[in-house]
Amino acid sequence: MTSEIRRTFYPLITCADTDRSMEWLEKAFGFKPTEVHRDDSGKIVHAEMIFDTGILMFGRGEPRKSVVYVAVDDPDAHHDRAKAAGAEIFRELSDQDYGSRDYAARDPDGNEWYFGTYRP
């Protein structure tokens, strides 16, 4: 019997240039695009990207800072990938008292991304 994942939370971010942001998130963090809906002028009005079992959505609107935590199995390799892609690492890899190993980076729109091994 296959169990279906029933997701409840869907982080939503806005950005100045959704096409550019999606391309950057794929290169730096390994997100994969799954849905892209455009208006008649070709602008993205809604898009979705996945990472493991999580879904990130993009909406239309003024860019504002968002903060997202993403659980990863190998934060060291993930950190190295992000750094190589030019991500602004504002908190270096470190082991936390609660058992997680994590780091934090900003994307070109100023959103903060935390990646670590903590899985509540």
PDB file of N, CA and C in Angstrom:
ATOM      1  N   MET A   1       0.847  -1.184   0.000  1.00  0.00           N
ATOM      2  CA  MET A   1       0.000   0.000   0.000  1.00  0.00           C
ATOM      3  C   MET A   1       0.895   1.252   0.000  1.00  0.00           C
ATOM      4  N   THR A   2       0.614   2.149  -0.896  1.00  0.00           N
ATOM      5  CA  THR A   2       1.366   3.390  -1.005  1.00  0.00           C
ATOM      6  C   THR A   2       0.660   4.464  -0.191  1.00  0.00           C
ATOM      7  N   SER A   3       1.418   5.148   0.668  1.00  0.00           N
ATOM      8  CA  SER A   3       0.807   6.229   1.434  1.00  0.00           C
ATOM      9  C   SER A   3       1.081   7.554   0.716  1.00  0.00           C
ATOM     10  N   GLU A   4       0.096   8.386   0.668  1.00  0.00           N
ATOM     11  CA  GLU A   4       0.209   9.684   0.020  1.00  0.00           C
ATOM     12  C   GLU A   4       0.589  10.723   1.060  1.00  0.00           C
ATOM     13  N   ILE A   5       1.498  11.616   0.705  1.00  0.00           N
ATOM     14  CA  ILE A   5       1.876  12.692   1.602  1.00  0.00           C
ATOM     15  C   ILE A   5       0.822  13.783   1.493  1.00  0.00           C
ATOM     16  N   ARG A   6       0.236  14.114   2.619  1.00  0.00           N
ATOM     17  CA  ARG A   6      -0.753  15.181   2.637  1.00  0.00           C
ATOM     18  C   ARG A   6      -0.095  16.400   3.260  1.00  0.00           C
ATOM     19  N   ARG A   7       0.278  17.342   2.419  1.00  0.00           N
ATOM     20  CA  ARG A   7       0.964  18.541   2.883  1.00  0.00           C
ATOM     21  C   ARG A   7      -0.037  19.538   3.444  1.00  0.00           C
ATOM     22  N   THR A   8       0.401  20.289   4.433  1.00  0.00           N
ATOM     23  CA  THR A   8      -0.463  21.275   5.060  1.00  0.00           C
ATOM     24  C   THR A   8       0.056  22.692   4.892  1.00  0.00           C
ATOM     25  N   PHE A   9       1.376  22.889   4.918  1.00  0.00           N
ATOM     26  CA  PHE A   9       1.973  24.213   4.800  1.00  0.00           C
ATOM     27  C   PHE A   9       2.689  24.353   3.471  1.00  0.00           C
ATOM     28  N   TYR A  10       2.499  25.497   2.837  1.00  0.00           N
ATOM     29  CA  TYR A  10       3.137  25.789   1.563  1.00  0.00           C
ATOM     30  C   TYR A  10       3.756  27.181   1.654  1.00  0.00           C
ATOM     31  N   PRO A  11       5.055  27.271   1.927  1.00  0.00           N
ATOM     32  CA  PRO A  11       5.673  28.606   1.971  1.00  0.00           C
ATOM     33  C   PRO A  11       5.469  29.320   0.638  1.00  0.00           C
ATOM     34  N   LEU A  12       5.188  30.604   0.724  1.00  0.00           N
ATOM     35  CA  LEU A  12       4.944  31.429  -0.457  1.00  0.00           C
ATOM     36  C   LEU A  12       5.887  32.616  -0.387  1.00  0.00           C
ATOM     37  N   ILE A  13       6.643  32.835  -1.459  1.00  0.00           N
ATOM     38  CA  ILE A  13       7.523  33.997  -1.520  1.00  0.00           C
ATOM     39  C   ILE A  13       7.183  34.822  -2.749  1.00  0.00           C
ATOM     40  N   THR A  14       7.509  36.096  -2.664  1.00  0.00           N
ATOM     41  CA  THR A  14       7.403  36.966  -3.831  1.00  0.00           C
ATOM     42  C   THR A  14       8.816  37.437  -4.167  1.00  0.00           C
ATOM     43  N   CYS A  15       9.025  37.790  -5.413  1.00  0.00           N
ATOM     44  CA  CYS A  15      10.357  38.205  -5.850  1.00  0.00           C
ATOM     45  C   CYS A  15      10.221  39.188  -7.009  1.00  0.00           C
ATOM     46  N   ALA A  16      11.286  39.924  -7.241  1.00  0.00           N
ATOM     47  CA  ALA A  16      11.274  40.943  -8.289  1.00  0.00           C
ATOM     48  C   ALA A  16      11.168  40.319  -9.684  1.00  0.00           C
ATOM     49  N   ASP A  17      11.845  39.215  -9.903  1.00  0.00           N
ATOM     50  CA  ASP A  17      11.874  38.545 -11.202  1.00  0.00           C
ATOM     51  C   ASP A  17      11.771  37.044 -10.937  1.00  0.00           C
ATOM     52  N   THR A  18      10.567  36.509 -11.031  1.00  0.00           N
ATOM     53  CA  THR A  18      10.332  35.108 -10.670  1.00  0.00           C
ATOM     54  C   THR A  18      11.132  34.155 -11.533  1.00  0.00           C
ATOM     55  N   ASP A  19      11.248  34.415 -12.824  1.00  0.00           N
ATOM     56  CA  ASP A  19      12.042  33.539 -13.690  1.00  0.00           C
ATOM     57  C   ASP A  19      13.488  33.462 -13.204  1.00  0.00           C
ATOM     58  N   ARG A  20      14.061  34.627 -12.932  1.00  0.00           N
ATOM     59  CA  ARG A  20      15.448  34.676 -12.449  1.00  0.00           C
ATOM     60  C   ARG A  20      15.582  33.980 -11.094  1.00  0.00           C
ATOM     61  N   SER A  21      14.638  34.234 -10.204  1.00  0.00           N
ATOM     62  CA  SER A  21      14.695  33.634  -8.868  1.00  0.00           C
ATOM     63  C   SER A  21      14.587  32.118  -8.931  1.00  0.00           C
ATOM     64  N   MET A  22      13.694  31.606  -9.764  1.00  0.00           N
ATOM     65  CA  MET A  22      13.541  30.156  -9.884  1.00  0.00           C
ATOM     66  C   MET A  22      14.822  29.521 -10.436  1.00  0.00           C
ATOM     67  N   GLU A  23      15.401  30.165 -11.429  1.00  0.00           N
ATOM     68  CA  GLU A  23      16.652  29.659 -12.000  1.00  0.00           C
ATOM     69  C   GLU A  23      17.754  29.637 -10.933  1.00  0.00           C
ATOM     70  N   TRP A  24      17.825  30.700 -10.159  1.00  0.00           N
ATOM     71  CA  TRP A  24      18.846  30.791  -9.112  1.00  0.00           C
ATOM     72  C   TRP A  24      18.621  29.750  -8.021  1.00  0.00           C
ATOM     73  N   LEU A  25      17.369  29.575  -7.576  1.00  0.00           N
ATOM     74  CA  LEU A  25      17.068  28.591  -6.532  1.00  0.00           C
ATOM     75  C   LEU A  25      17.390  27.169  -6.988  1.00  0.00           C
ATOM     76  N   GLU A  26      17.204  26.904  -8.266  1.00  0.00           N
ATOM     77  CA  GLU A  26      17.559  25.581  -8.793  1.00  0.00           C
ATOM     78  C   GLU A  26      19.076  25.395  -8.774  1.00  0.00           C
ATOM     79  N   LYS A  27      19.798  26.403  -9.246  1.00  0.00           N
ATOM     80  CA  LYS A  27      21.255  26.301  -9.317  1.00  0.00           C
ATOM     81  C   LYS A  27      21.893  26.263  -7.928  1.00  0.00           C
ATOM     82  N   ALA A  28      21.485  27.155  -7.051  1.00  0.00           N
ATOM     83  CA  ALA A  28      22.130  27.292  -5.744  1.00  0.00           C
ATOM     84  C   ALA A  28      21.669  26.265  -4.725  1.00  0.00           C
ATOM     85  N   PHE A  29      20.373  25.988  -4.680  1.00  0.00           N
ATOM     86  CA  PHE A  29      19.839  25.163  -3.606  1.00  0.00           C
ATOM     87  C   PHE A  29      19.266  23.818  -4.056  1.00  0.00           C
ATOM     88  N   GLY A  30      19.133  23.608  -5.359  1.00  0.00           N
ATOM     89  CA  GLY A  30      18.646  22.320  -5.841  1.00  0.00           C
ATOM     90  C   GLY A  30      17.140  22.167  -5.909  1.00  0.00           C
ATOM     91  N   PHE A  31      16.402  23.275  -5.847  1.00  0.00           N
ATOM     92  CA  PHE A  31      14.951  23.199  -6.014  1.00  0.00           C
ATOM     93  C   PHE A  31      14.641  22.845  -7.472  1.00  0.00           C
ATOM     94  N   LYS A  32      13.529  22.163  -7.707  1.00  0.00           N
ATOM     95  CA  LYS A  32      13.136  21.781  -9.063  1.00  0.00           C
ATOM     96  C   LYS A  32      11.766  22.375  -9.399  1.00  0.00           C
ATOM     97  N   PRO A  33      11.640  23.063 -10.543  1.00  0.00           N
ATOM     98  CA  PRO A  33      10.336  23.623 -10.924  1.00  0.00           C
ATOM     99  C   PRO A  33       9.354  22.520 -11.286  1.00  0.00           C
ATOM    100  N   THR A  34       8.096  22.707 -10.856  1.00  0.00           N
ATOM    101  CA  THR A  34       7.051  21.730 -11.188  1.00  0.00           C
ATOM    102  C   THR A  34       5.853  22.363 -11.883  1.00  0.00           C
ATOM    103  N   GLU A  35       5.563  23.610 -11.550  1.00  0.00           N
ATOM    104  CA  GLU A  35       4.416  24.316 -12.144  1.00  0.00           C
ATOM    105  C   GLU A  35       4.831  25.744 -12.457  1.00  0.00           C
ATOM    106  N   VAL A  36       4.452  26.221 -13.636  1.00  0.00           N
ATOM    107  CA  VAL A  36       4.667  27.626 -13.995  1.00  0.00           C
ATOM    108  C   VAL A  36       3.444  28.079 -14.787  1.00  0.00           C
ATOM    109  N   HIS A  37       2.751  29.089 -14.256  1.00  0.00           N
ATOM    110  CA  HIS A  37       1.572  29.639 -14.926  1.00  0.00           C
ATOM    111  C   HIS A  37       1.847  31.105 -15.238  1.00  0.00           C
ATOM    112  N   ARG A  38       1.646  31.475 -16.501  1.00  0.00           N
ATOM    113  CA  ARG A  38       1.949  32.825 -16.964  1.00  0.00           C
ATOM    114  C   ARG A  38       0.681  33.535 -17.433  1.00  0.00           C
ATOM    115  N   ASP A  39       0.724  34.867 -17.354  1.00  0.00           N
ATOM    116  CA  ASP A  39      -0.381  35.649 -17.898  1.00  0.00           C
ATOM    117  C   ASP A  39      -0.152  35.857 -19.391  1.00  0.00           C
ATOM    118  N   ASP A  40      -1.031  36.593 -20.044  1.00  0.00           N
ATOM    119  CA  ASP A  40      -0.940  36.801 -21.487  1.00  0.00           C
ATOM    120  C   ASP A  40       0.336  37.523 -21.912  1.00  0.00           C
ATOM    121  N   SER A  41       0.947  38.279 -20.997  1.00  0.00           N
ATOM    122  CA  SER A  41       2.181  38.984 -21.336  1.00  0.00           C
ATOM    123  C   SER A  41       3.423  38.134 -21.072  1.00  0.00           C
ATOM    124  N   GLY A  42       3.228  36.939 -20.533  1.00  0.00           N
ATOM    125  CA  GLY A  42       4.355  36.040 -20.276  1.00  0.00           C
ATOM    126  C   GLY A  42       4.913  36.103 -18.871  1.00  0.00           C
ATOM    127  N   LYS A  43       4.355  36.981 -18.026  1.00  0.00           N
ATOM    128  CA  LYS A  43       4.824  37.069 -16.640  1.00  0.00           C
ATOM    129  C   LYS A  43       4.250  35.930 -15.813  1.00  0.00           C
ATOM    130  N   ILE A  44       5.082  35.420 -14.920  1.00  0.00           N
ATOM    131  CA  ILE A  44       4.624  34.345 -14.034  1.00  0.00           C
ATOM    132  C   ILE A  44       3.637  34.909 -13.021  1.00  0.00           C
ATOM    133  N   VAL A  45       2.461  34.283 -12.941  1.00  0.00           N
ATOM    134  CA  VAL A  45       1.468  34.670 -11.947  1.00  0.00           C
ATOM    135  C   VAL A  45       1.435  33.674 -10.793  1.00  0.00           C
ATOM    136  N   HIS A  46       1.875  32.464 -11.039  1.00  0.00           N
ATOM    137  CA  HIS A  46       1.980  31.447  -9.986  1.00  0.00           C
ATOM    138  C   HIS A  46       2.981  30.399 -10.461  1.00  0.00           C
ATOM    139  N   ALA A  47       3.825  29.950  -9.528  1.00  0.00           N
ATOM    140  CA  ALA A  47       4.781  28.892  -9.847  1.00  0.00           C
ATOM    141  C   ALA A  47       5.037  28.075  -8.597  1.00  0.00           C
ATOM    142  N   GLU A  48       5.516  26.846  -8.807  1.00  0.00           N
ATOM    143  CA  GLU A  48       5.847  25.966  -7.698  1.00  0.00           C
ATOM    144  C   GLU A  48       7.165  25.271  -7.983  1.00  0.00           C
ATOM    145  N   MET A  49       7.931  25.072  -6.915  1.00  0.00           N
ATOM    146  CA  MET A  49       9.176  24.309  -6.995  1.00  0.00           C
ATOM    147  C   MET A  49       9.156  23.296  -5.859  1.00  0.00           C
ATOM    148  N   ILE A  50       9.819  22.157  -6.070  1.00  0.00           N
ATOM    149  CA  ILE A  50       9.885  21.148  -5.022  1.00  0.00           C
ATOM    150  C   ILE A  50      11.320  20.954  -4.558  1.00  0.00           C
ATOM    151  N   PHE A  51      11.420  20.493  -3.334  1.00  0.00           N
ATOM    152  CA  PHE A  51      12.686  20.049  -2.755  1.00  0.00           C
ATOM    153  C   PHE A  51      12.322  18.910  -1.828  1.00  0.00           C
ATOM    154  N   ASP A  52      12.772  17.700  -2.168  1.00  0.00           N
ATOM    155  CA  ASP A  52      12.414  16.511  -1.401  1.00  0.00           C
ATOM    156  C   ASP A  52      10.890  16.422  -1.362  1.00  0.00           C
ATOM    157  N   THR A  53      10.275  16.463  -0.182  1.00  0.00           N
ATOM    158  CA  THR A  53       8.814  16.373  -0.111  1.00  0.00           C
ATOM    159  C   THR A  53       8.149  17.731   0.053  1.00  0.00           C
ATOM    160  N   GLY A  54       8.934  18.813   0.046  1.00  0.00           N
ATOM    161  CA  GLY A  54       8.380  20.145   0.251  1.00  0.00           C
ATOM    162  C   GLY A  54       8.065  20.862  -1.038  1.00  0.00           C
ATOM    163  N   ILE A  55       7.113  21.771  -0.950  1.00  0.00           N
ATOM    164  CA  ILE A  55       6.710  22.587  -2.089  1.00  0.00           C
ATOM    165  C   ILE A  55       6.829  24.055  -1.710  1.00  0.00           C
ATOM    166  N   LEU A  56       7.436  24.844  -2.593  1.00  0.00           N
ATOM    167  CA  LEU A  56       7.561  26.282  -2.438  1.00  0.00           C
ATOM    168  C   LEU A  56       6.731  26.928  -3.539  1.00  0.00           C
ATOM    169  N   MET A  57       5.920  27.915  -3.172  1.00  0.00           N
ATOM    170  CA  MET A  57       5.096  28.596  -4.165  1.00  0.00           C
ATOM    171  C   MET A  57       5.557  30.038  -4.324  1.00  0.00           C
ATOM    172  N   PHE A  58       5.358  30.570  -5.522  1.00  0.00           N
ATOM    173  CA  PHE A  58       5.673  31.952  -5.845  1.00  0.00           C
ATOM    174  C   PHE A  58       4.380  32.652  -6.207  1.00  0.00           C
ATOM    175  N   GLY A  59       4.217  33.844  -5.704  1.00  0.00           N
ATOM    176  CA  GLY A  59       3.037  34.621  -6.029  1.00  0.00           C
ATOM    177  C   GLY A  59       3.417  35.969  -6.602  1.00  0.00           C
ATOM    178  N   ARG A  60       2.447  36.616  -7.152  1.00  0.00           N
ATOM    179  CA  ARG A  60       2.635  37.945  -7.705  1.00  0.00           C
ATOM    180  C   ARG A  60       2.510  38.952  -6.576  1.00  0.00           C
ATOM    181  N   GLY A  61       3.364  39.943  -6.594  1.00  0.00           N
ATOM    182  CA  GLY A  61       3.288  40.977  -5.572  1.00  0.00           C
ATOM    183  C   GLY A  61       4.635  41.618  -5.349  1.00  0.00           C
ATOM    184  N   GLU A  62       4.647  42.602  -4.475  1.00  0.00           N
ATOM    185  CA  GLU A  62       5.889  43.289  -4.140  1.00  0.00           C
ATOM    186  C   GLU A  62       6.800  42.341  -3.383  1.00  0.00           C
ATOM    187  N   PRO A  63       8.075  42.300  -3.750  1.00  0.00           N
ATOM    188  CA  PRO A  63       9.005  41.453  -3.006  1.00  0.00           C
ATOM    189  C   PRO A  63       9.083  41.899  -1.546  1.00  0.00           C
ATOM    190  N   ARG A  64       9.047  40.930  -0.656  1.00  0.00           N
ATOM    191  CA  ARG A  64       9.227  41.191   0.762  1.00  0.00           C
ATOM    192  C   ARG A  64      10.027  40.041   1.344  1.00  0.00           C
ATOM    193  N   LYS A  65      10.724  40.308   2.389  1.00  0.00           N
ATOM    194  CA  LYS A  65      11.593  39.293   2.948  1.00  0.00           C
ATOM    195  C   LYS A  65      10.774  38.135   3.529  1.00  0.00           C
ATOM    196  N   SER A  66      11.142  36.929   3.135  1.00  0.00           N
ATOM    197  CA  SER A  66      10.577  35.705   3.687  1.00  0.00           C
ATOM    198  C   SER A  66      11.703  34.919   4.333  1.00  0.00           C
ATOM    199  N   VAL A  67      11.345  34.072   5.270  1.00  0.00           N
ATOM    200  CA  VAL A  67      12.309  33.201   5.932  1.00  0.00           C
ATOM    201  C   VAL A  67      11.772  31.784   5.851  1.00  0.00           C
ATOM    202  N   VAL A  68      12.597  30.863   5.303  1.00  0.00           N
ATOM    203  CA  VAL A  68      12.167  29.482   5.111  1.00  0.00           C
ATOM    204  C   VAL A  68      13.241  28.551   5.652  1.00  0.00           C
ATOM    205  N   TYR A  69      12.819  27.515   6.391  1.00  0.00           N
ATOM    206  CA  TYR A  69      13.730  26.466   6.855  1.00  0.00           C
ATOM    207  C   TYR A  69      13.490  25.225   6.001  1.00  0.00           C
ATOM    208  N   VAL A  70      14.582  24.601   5.538  1.00  0.00           N
ATOM    209  CA  VAL A  70      14.501  23.399   4.713  1.00  0.00           C
ATOM    210  C   VAL A  70      15.395  22.324   5.328  1.00  0.00           C
ATOM    211  N   ALA A  71      14.827  21.158   5.614  1.00  0.00           N
ATOM    212  CA  ALA A  71      15.608  20.041   6.145  1.00  0.00           C
ATOM    213  C   ALA A  71      16.358  19.352   5.012  1.00  0.00           C
ATOM    214  N   VAL A  72      17.657  19.128   5.214  1.00  0.00           N
ATOM    215  CA  VAL A  72      18.500  18.454   4.225  1.00  0.00           C
ATOM    216  C   VAL A  72      19.296  17.358   4.920  1.00  0.00           C
ATOM    217  N   ASP A  73      19.632  16.315   4.176  1.00  0.00           N
ATOM    218  CA  ASP A  73      20.385  15.194   4.743  1.00  0.00           C
ATOM    219  C   ASP A  73      21.871  15.493   4.864  1.00  0.00           C
ATOM    220  N   ASP A  74      22.410  16.297   3.939  1.00  0.00           N
ATOM    221  CA  ASP A  74      23.846  16.577   3.928  1.00  0.00           C
ATOM    222  C   ASP A  74      24.058  18.090   3.856  1.00  0.00           C
ATOM    223  N   PRO A  75      23.989  18.778   5.004  1.00  0.00           N
ATOM    224  CA  PRO A  75      24.113  20.230   4.971  1.00  0.00           C
ATOM    225  C   PRO A  75      25.477  20.717   4.495  1.00  0.00           C
ATOM    226  N   ASP A  76      26.528  19.923   4.697  1.00  0.00           N
ATOM    227  CA  ASP A  76      27.856  20.344   4.242  1.00  0.00           C
ATOM    228  C   ASP A  76      27.902  20.445   2.717  1.00  0.00           C
ATOM    229  N   ALA A  77      27.421  19.415   2.039  1.00  0.00           N
ATOM    230  CA  ALA A  77      27.404  19.431   0.575  1.00  0.00           C
ATOM    231  C   ALA A  77      26.454  20.510   0.058  1.00  0.00           C
ATOM    232  N   HIS A  78      25.312  20.682   0.728  1.00  0.00           N
ATOM    233  CA  HIS A  78      24.339  21.691   0.320  1.00  0.00           C
ATOM    234  C   HIS A  78      24.938  23.085   0.459  1.00  0.00           C
ATOM    235  N   HIS A  79      25.619  23.333   1.563  1.00  0.00           N
ATOM    236  CA  HIS A  79      26.306  24.600   1.810  1.00  0.00           C
ATOM    237  C   HIS A  79      27.323  24.877   0.705  1.00  0.00           C
ATOM    238  N   ASP A  80      28.120  23.867   0.366  1.00  0.00           N
ATOM    239  CA  ASP A  80      29.144  24.045  -0.661  1.00  0.00           C
ATOM    240  C   ASP A  80      28.531  24.380  -2.014  1.00  0.00           C
ATOM    241  N   ARG A  81      27.411  23.743  -2.341  1.00  0.00           N
ATOM    242  CA  ARG A  81      26.716  24.021  -3.606  1.00  0.00           C
ATOM    243  C   ARG A  81      26.218  25.471  -3.626  1.00  0.00           C
ATOM    244  N   ALA A  82      25.588  25.883  -2.533  1.00  0.00           N
ATOM    245  CA  ALA A  82      25.052  27.240  -2.458  1.00  0.00           C
ATOM    246  C   ALA A  82      26.167  28.277  -2.554  1.00  0.00           C
ATOM    247  N   LYS A  83      27.244  28.036  -1.840  1.00  0.00           N
ATOM    248  CA  LYS A  83      28.371  28.973  -1.851  1.00  0.00           C
ATOM    249  C   LYS A  83      28.978  29.074  -3.256  1.00  0.00           C
ATOM    250  N   ALA A  84      29.125  27.934  -3.921  1.00  0.00           N
ATOM    251  CA  ALA A  84      29.680  27.923  -5.279  1.00  0.00           C
ATOM    252  C   ALA A  84      28.791  28.687  -6.260  1.00  0.00           C
ATOM    253  N   ALA A  85      27.478  28.705  -5.991  1.00  0.00           N
ATOM    254  CA  ALA A  85      26.541  29.415  -6.867  1.00  0.00           C
ATOM    255  C   ALA A  85      26.447  30.897  -6.517  1.00  0.00           C
ATOM    256  N   GLY A  86      27.189  31.322  -5.504  1.00  0.00           N
ATOM    257  CA  GLY A  86      27.208  32.734  -5.161  1.00  0.00           C
ATOM    258  C   GLY A  86      26.224  33.156  -4.093  1.00  0.00           C
ATOM    259  N   ALA A  87      25.643  32.192  -3.369  1.00  0.00           N
ATOM    260  CA  ALA A  87      24.712  32.548  -2.299  1.00  0.00           C
ATOM    261  C   ALA A  87      25.448  33.324  -1.213  1.00  0.00           C
ATOM    262  N   GLU A  88      24.785  34.307  -0.652  1.00  0.00           N
ATOM    263  CA  GLU A  88      25.341  35.057   0.478  1.00  0.00           C
ATOM    264  C   GLU A  88      25.115  34.230   1.737  1.00  0.00           C
ATOM    265  N   ILE A  89      26.170  33.609   2.236  1.00  0.00           N
ATOM    266  CA  ILE A  89      26.080  32.815   3.456  1.00  0.00           C
ATOM    267  C   ILE A  89      26.232  33.785   4.624  1.00  0.00           C
ATOM    268  N   PHE A  90      25.167  33.965   5.416  1.00  0.00           N
ATOM    269  CA  PHE A  90      25.273  34.905   6.533  1.00  0.00           C
ATOM    270  C   PHE A  90      25.382  34.205   7.878  1.00  0.00           C
ATOM    271  N   ARG A  91      25.227  32.898   7.897  1.00  0.00           N
ATOM    272  CA  ARG A  91      25.536  32.103   9.084  1.00  0.00           C
ATOM    273  C   ARG A  91      26.186  30.812   8.613  1.00  0.00           C
ATOM    274  N   GLU A  92      27.442  30.654   8.925  1.00  0.00           N
ATOM    275  CA  GLU A  92      28.198  29.491   8.459  1.00  0.00           C
ATOM    276  C   GLU A  92      27.712  28.201   9.108  1.00  0.00           C
ATOM    277  N   LEU A  93      28.101  27.091   8.510  1.00  0.00           N
ATOM    278  CA  LEU A  93      27.762  25.774   9.035  1.00  0.00           C
ATOM    279  C   LEU A  93      28.170  25.663  10.496  1.00  0.00           C
ATOM    280  N   SER A  94      27.267  25.142  11.302  1.00  0.00           N
ATOM    281  CA  SER A  94      27.593  24.911  12.703  1.00  0.00           C
ATOM    282  C   SER A  94      26.655  23.866  13.287  1.00  0.00           C
ATOM    283  N   ASP A  95      27.128  23.229  14.343  1.00  0.00           N
ATOM    284  CA  ASP A  95      26.333  22.242  15.071  1.00  0.00           C
ATOM    285  C   ASP A  95      25.564  22.973  16.170  1.00  0.00           C
ATOM    286  N   GLN A  96      24.261  22.723  16.257  1.00  0.00           N
ATOM    287  CA  GLN A  96      23.398  23.389  17.230  1.00  0.00           C
ATOM    288  C   GLN A  96      23.214  22.522  18.479  1.00  0.00           C
ATOM    289  N   ASP A  97      22.882  23.148  19.594  1.00  0.00           N
ATOM    290  CA  ASP A  97      22.660  22.426  20.849  1.00  0.00           C
ATOM    291  C   ASP A  97      21.519  21.412  20.747  1.00  0.00           C
ATOM    292  N   TYR A  98      20.552  21.678  19.884  1.00  0.00           N
ATOM    293  CA  TYR A  98      19.393  20.796  19.758  1.00  0.00           C
ATOM    294  C   TYR A  98      19.616  19.664  18.745  1.00  0.00           C
ATOM    295  N   GLY A  99      20.870  19.523  18.265  1.00  0.00           N
ATOM    296  CA  GLY A  99      21.222  18.379  17.438  1.00  0.00           C
ATOM    297  C   GLY A  99      21.292  18.619  15.949  1.00  0.00           C
ATOM    298  N   SER A 100      20.930  19.780  15.484  1.00  0.00           N
ATOM    299  CA  SER A 100      20.963  20.062  14.046  1.00  0.00           C
ATOM    300  C   SER A 100      22.338  20.578  13.631  1.00  0.00           C
ATOM    301  N   ARG A 101      22.679  20.322  12.393  1.00  0.00           N
ATOM    302  CA  ARG A 101      23.833  20.963  11.752  1.00  0.00           C
ATOM    303  C   ARG A 101      23.242  21.801  10.641  1.00  0.00           C
ATOM    304  N   ASP A 102      23.498  23.104  10.665  1.00  0.00           N
ATOM    305  CA  ASP A 102      22.832  23.954   9.679  1.00  0.00           C
ATOM    306  C   ASP A 102      23.634  25.196   9.325  1.00  0.00           C
ATOM    307  N   TYR A 103      23.114  25.915   8.314  1.00  0.00           N
ATOM    308  CA  TYR A 103      23.681  27.185   7.868  1.00  0.00           C
ATOM    309  C   TYR A 103      22.537  28.031   7.327  1.00  0.00           C
ATOM    310  N   ALA A 104      22.833  29.303   7.062  1.00  0.00           N
ATOM    311  CA  ALA A 104      21.803  30.190   6.531  1.00  0.00           C
ATOM    312  C   ALA A 104      22.380  31.035   5.400  1.00  0.00           C
ATOM    313  N   ALA A 105      21.523  31.298   4.385  1.00  0.00           N
ATOM    314  CA  ALA A 105      21.937  32.057   3.209  1.00  0.00           C
ATOM    315  C   ALA A 105      20.806  32.980   2.770  1.00  0.00           C
ATOM    316  N   ARG A 106      21.180  34.013   2.016  1.00  0.00           N
ATOM    317  CA  ARG A 106      20.183  34.905   1.416  1.00  0.00           C
ATOM    318  C   ARG A 106      20.175  34.712  -0.088  1.00  0.00           C
ATOM    319  N   ASP A 107      18.991  34.800  -0.675  1.00  0.00           N
ATOM    320  CA  ASP A 107      18.901  34.769  -2.132  1.00  0.00           C
ATOM    321  C   ASP A 107      19.003  36.200  -2.659  1.00  0.00           C
ATOM    322  N   PRO A 108      19.026  36.390  -3.987  1.00  0.00           N
ATOM    323  CA  PRO A 108      19.183  37.747  -4.540  1.00  0.00           C
ATOM    324  C   PRO A 108      18.067  38.715  -4.168  1.00  0.00           C
ATOM    325  N   ASP A 109      16.896  38.203  -3.736  1.00  0.00           N
ATOM    326  CA  ASP A 109      15.793  39.070  -3.317  1.00  0.00           C
ATOM    327  C   ASP A 109      15.828  39.375  -1.828  1.00  0.00           C
ATOM    328  N   GLY A 110      16.820  38.843  -1.112  1.00  0.00           N
ATOM    329  CA  GLY A 110      16.937  39.101   0.317  1.00  0.00           C
ATOM    330  C   GLY A 110      16.209  38.122   1.212  1.00  0.00           C
ATOM    331  N   ASN A 111      15.554  37.114   0.613  1.00  0.00           N
ATOM    332  CA  ASN A 111      14.899  36.095   1.427  1.00  0.00           C
ATOM    333  C   ASN A 111      15.953  35.289   2.169  1.00  0.00           C
ATOM    334  N   GLU A 112      15.638  34.883   3.395  1.00  0.00           N
ATOM    335  CA  GLU A 112      16.560  34.091   4.191  1.00  0.00           C
ATOM    336  C   GLU A 112      16.183  32.617   4.126  1.00  0.00           C
ATOM    337  N   TRP A 113      17.188  31.791   3.866  1.00  0.00           N
ATOM    338  CA  TRP A 113      17.011  30.351   3.738  1.00  0.00           C
ATOM    339  C   TRP A 113      17.892  29.655   4.766  1.00  0.00           C
ATOM    340  N   TYR A 114      17.285  28.855   5.608  1.00  0.00           N
ATOM    341  CA  TYR A 114      18.014  28.072   6.602  1.00  0.00           C
ATOM    342  C   TYR A 114      17.934  26.620   6.174  1.00  0.00           C
ATOM    343  N   PHE A 115      19.091  25.959   6.122  1.00  0.00           N
ATOM    344  CA  PHE A 115      19.166  24.560   5.727  1.00  0.00           C
ATOM    345  C   PHE A 115      19.863  23.783   6.834  1.00  0.00           C
ATOM    346  N   GLY A 116      19.266  22.675   7.259  1.00  0.00           N
ATOM    347  CA  GLY A 116      19.881  21.890   8.318  1.00  0.00           C
ATOM    348  C   GLY A 116      19.243  20.526   8.464  1.00  0.00           C
ATOM    349  N   THR A 117      19.761  19.779   9.405  1.00  0.00           N
ATOM    350  CA  THR A 117      19.320  18.395   9.598  1.00  0.00           C
ATOM    351  C   THR A 117      18.136  18.270  10.552  1.00  0.00           C
ATOM    352  N   TYR A 118      17.712  19.356  11.173  1.00  0.00           N
ATOM    353  CA  TYR A 118      16.605  19.296  12.126  1.00  0.00           C
ATOM    354  C   TYR A 118      15.293  18.976  11.405  1.00  0.00           C
ATOM    355  N   ARG A 119      14.622  17.925  11.886  1.00  0.00           N
ATOM    356  CA  ARG A 119      13.309  17.544  11.349  1.00  0.00           C
ATOM    357  C   ARG A 119      12.376  17.345  12.531  1.00  0.00           C
ATOM    358  N   PRO A 120      11.537  18.351  12.818  1.00  0.00           N
ATOM    359  CA  PRO A 120      10.648  18.248  13.994  1.00  0.00           C
ATOM    360  C   PRO A 120       9.753  17.027  13.936  1.00  0.00           C
TER     361      PRO A 120
END
